Amino acid sequence: MTVELASTAEGTLRGREFAALYAQAQRFYALQTRILDTHDTESWVHTFTEDAVVELPLLPGPVRAREGLARYVRAGAARQRQAGGRLDHWVGMLDVRPQADGSLRTRCSALAYAGPVGGGPGVLYAYVMEDVLVRGQGEWCCAHRRVTRDDLA
């Protein structure tokens, strides 16, 4: 089966080049999610650029830069420890759109689910994440993330 992409930046890439970029994006999200779920705040914030902007549905305004992200994640981890159990994330249905400037525009679905001690997991939220990924020191980093709750969109 051959897929031809028309009128998009992906259309200018050969199949193998696009497949390599897609695999890199998948790896980025797998690593970033695993780091978030282990509450390794320092490693997680370094998956974002220094001046990253993150828009989250539960906050009144964007979180700016790594320092703001670190405060937000540390507070969330403390709340989770207090509540007990685990909070995990799943990312899938990834759409990757290479841009002329070398960045990637991505869109994916994400689930946040709780694994209470002694109980089965339950989905808390379904999200849509729209990101701009850029290269930073040879690795992909998120420069902008917009998260919306799928059930409220």
Protein backbone atom coordinates (compact mmCIF):
# COMPACT_ATOMS: atom_id res chain seq x y z
CA MET A 1 0.00 0.00 0.00
CA THR A 2 1.32 3.43 -0.92
CA VAL A 3 0.14 6.58 0.79
CA GLU A 4 0.56 9.90 -0.96
CA LEU A 5 0.32 13.08 1.06
CA ALA A 6 -0.68 16.16 -0.88
CA SER A 7 -0.50 19.85 0.01
CA THR A 8 1.35 19.31 3.28
CA ALA A 9 4.90 19.49 4.48
CA GLU A 10 4.81 15.71 4.94
CA GLY A 11 4.18 15.44 1.21
CA THR A 12 7.65 16.81 0.56
CA LEU A 13 9.28 14.12 2.68
CA ARG A 14 9.87 10.65 1.42
CA GLY A 15 8.07 7.87 3.21
CA ARG A 16 11.14 6.77 5.16
CA GLU A 17 12.01 10.30 6.24
CA PHE A 18 8.47 10.89 7.48
CA ALA A 19 8.40 7.47 9.17
CA ALA A 20 11.63 8.35 11.00
CA LEU A 21 10.19 11.68 12.20
CA TYR A 22 6.98 9.97 13.28
CA ALA A 23 8.94 7.35 15.25
CA GLN A 24 10.96 10.13 16.90
CA ALA A 25 7.75 11.91 17.93
CA GLN A 26 6.32 8.67 19.34
CA ARG A 27 9.52 8.10 21.30
CA PHE A 28 9.39 11.67 22.63
CA TYR A 29 5.86 11.18 24.00
CA ALA A 30 6.62 7.74 25.43
CA LEU A 31 9.65 9.09 27.28
CA GLN A 32 7.97 12.31 28.41
CA THR A 33 4.92 10.43 29.74
CA ARG A 34 7.03 7.86 31.57
CA ILE A 35 9.06 10.63 33.21
CA LEU A 36 5.89 12.50 34.23
CA ASP A 37 4.36 9.38 35.76
CA THR A 38 7.46 8.76 37.90
CA HIS A 39 7.35 12.38 39.17
CA ASP A 40 10.89 13.09 37.93
CA THR A 41 10.18 16.80 37.68
CA GLU A 42 13.66 17.92 36.65
CA SER A 43 13.88 15.46 33.77
CA TRP A 44 10.30 16.23 32.69
CA VAL A 45 10.76 20.01 32.51
CA HIS A 46 13.84 19.47 30.34
CA THR A 47 11.60 17.93 27.68
CA PHE A 48 10.39 21.53 27.16
CA THR A 49 12.30 24.52 25.81
CA GLU A 50 13.54 27.16 28.27
CA ASP A 51 10.75 29.53 27.20
CA ALA A 52 7.99 26.95 26.66
CA VAL A 53 4.35 27.90 27.07
CA VAL A 54 1.83 25.31 28.28
CA GLU A 55 -1.91 25.95 28.27
CA LEU A 56 -3.80 23.66 30.64
CA PRO A 57 -7.58 23.49 31.03
CA LEU A 58 -7.57 23.53 34.84
CA LEU A 59 -5.46 26.69 35.14
CA PRO A 60 -6.59 30.29 34.58
CA GLY A 61 -3.63 31.14 32.35
CA PRO A 62 -0.65 29.63 30.55
CA VAL A 63 2.29 28.19 32.47
CA ARG A 64 5.43 29.82 31.18
CA ALA A 65 8.96 28.46 31.10
CA ARG A 66 10.51 25.51 32.87
CA GLU A 67 10.33 27.07 36.34
CA GLY A 68 6.54 27.45 36.14
CA LEU A 69 6.19 23.90 34.81
CA ALA A 70 8.31 22.54 37.63
CA ARG A 71 6.16 24.27 40.28
CA TYR A 72 2.97 22.92 38.67
CA VAL A 73 4.26 19.32 38.45
CA ARG A 74 5.70 19.33 41.99
CA ALA A 75 2.36 20.52 43.38
CA GLY A 76 0.51 17.82 41.43
CA ALA A 77 2.88 15.12 42.66
CA ALA A 78 2.40 16.28 46.27
CA ARG A 79 -1.40 16.15 45.88
CA GLN A 80 -1.12 12.66 44.40
CA ARG A 81 1.06 11.41 47.25
CA GLN A 82 -1.44 12.80 49.74
CA ALA A 83 -4.37 11.16 47.99
CA GLY A 84 -2.59 7.81 47.67
CA GLY A 85 -2.65 5.58 44.64
CA ARG A 86 -1.08 6.42 41.31
CA LEU A 87 -1.82 8.73 38.45
CA ASP A 88 -0.69 7.51 35.04
CA HIS A 89 -1.04 8.81 31.51
CA TRP A 90 -1.52 7.25 28.10
CA VAL A 91 -0.83 9.04 24.82
CA GLY A 92 -2.03 7.80 21.44
CA MET A 93 -3.62 8.61 18.10
CA LEU A 94 -0.61 10.77 17.25
CA ASP A 95 -0.76 13.02 14.21
CA VAL A 96 2.57 14.55 13.14
CA ARG A 97 2.87 17.45 10.71
CA PRO A 98 6.42 18.50 9.78
CA GLN A 99 6.77 22.24 9.20
CA ALA A 100 8.99 24.09 6.76
CA ASP A 101 11.07 25.52 9.65
CA GLY A 102 11.95 22.00 10.87
CA SER A 103 9.51 21.97 13.77
CA LEU A 104 6.74 19.41 14.18
CA ARG A 105 3.12 20.23 14.88
CA THR A 106 1.55 17.31 16.66
CA ARG A 107 -1.90 16.42 17.91
CA CYS A 108 -2.69 13.43 20.07
CA SER A 109 -5.17 12.04 22.54
CA ALA A 110 -4.17 11.57 26.15
CA LEU A 111 -5.81 9.84 29.07
CA ALA A 112 -5.12 10.47 32.74
CA TYR A 113 -6.14 7.51 34.83
CA ALA A 114 -5.92 6.74 38.52
CA GLY A 115 -4.74 3.45 39.90
CA PRO A 116 -5.93 3.50 43.50
CA VAL A 117 -4.17 1.21 45.93
CA GLY A 118 -6.09 -2.07 45.98
CA GLY A 119 -8.48 -1.04 43.23
CA GLY A 120 -8.73 -1.06 39.47
CA PRO A 121 -7.79 1.89 37.27
CA GLY A 122 -10.33 4.51 36.33
CA VAL A 123 -10.08 7.17 33.64
CA LEU A 124 -10.16 10.65 35.16
CA TYR A 125 -9.80 12.80 32.06
CA ALA A 126 -9.56 12.51 28.31
CA TYR A 127 -7.45 15.24 26.74
CA VAL A 128 -6.31 16.47 23.36
CA MET A 129 -2.73 17.78 23.25
CA GLU A 130 -1.55 20.04 20.46
CA ASP A 131 2.18 20.68 20.53
CA VAL A 132 4.95 22.40 18.66
CA LEU A 133 8.11 20.31 18.93
CA VAL A 134 11.51 21.78 18.09
CA ARG A 135 15.02 20.36 18.14
CA GLY A 136 17.02 21.23 21.23
CA GLN A 137 20.57 19.89 21.54
CA GLY A 138 19.77 17.01 19.18
CA GLU A 139 16.56 16.02 20.97
CA TRP A 140 12.96 17.04 20.45
CA CYS A 141 11.58 19.52 22.99
CA CYS A 142 8.13 20.98 23.37
CA ALA A 143 8.02 24.73 22.74
CA HIS A 144 4.26 25.11 23.06
CA ARG A 145 1.55 22.79 24.35
CA ARG A 146 -2.18 23.38 24.34
CA VAL A 147 -4.16 20.84 26.33
CA THR A 148 -7.96 20.72 26.11
CA ARG A 149 -10.34 18.37 27.86
CA ASP A 150 -11.90 16.21 25.21
CA ASP A 151 -15.16 15.98 27.11
CA LEU A 152 -15.48 19.78 27.31
CA ALA A 153 -14.44 20.64 23.75
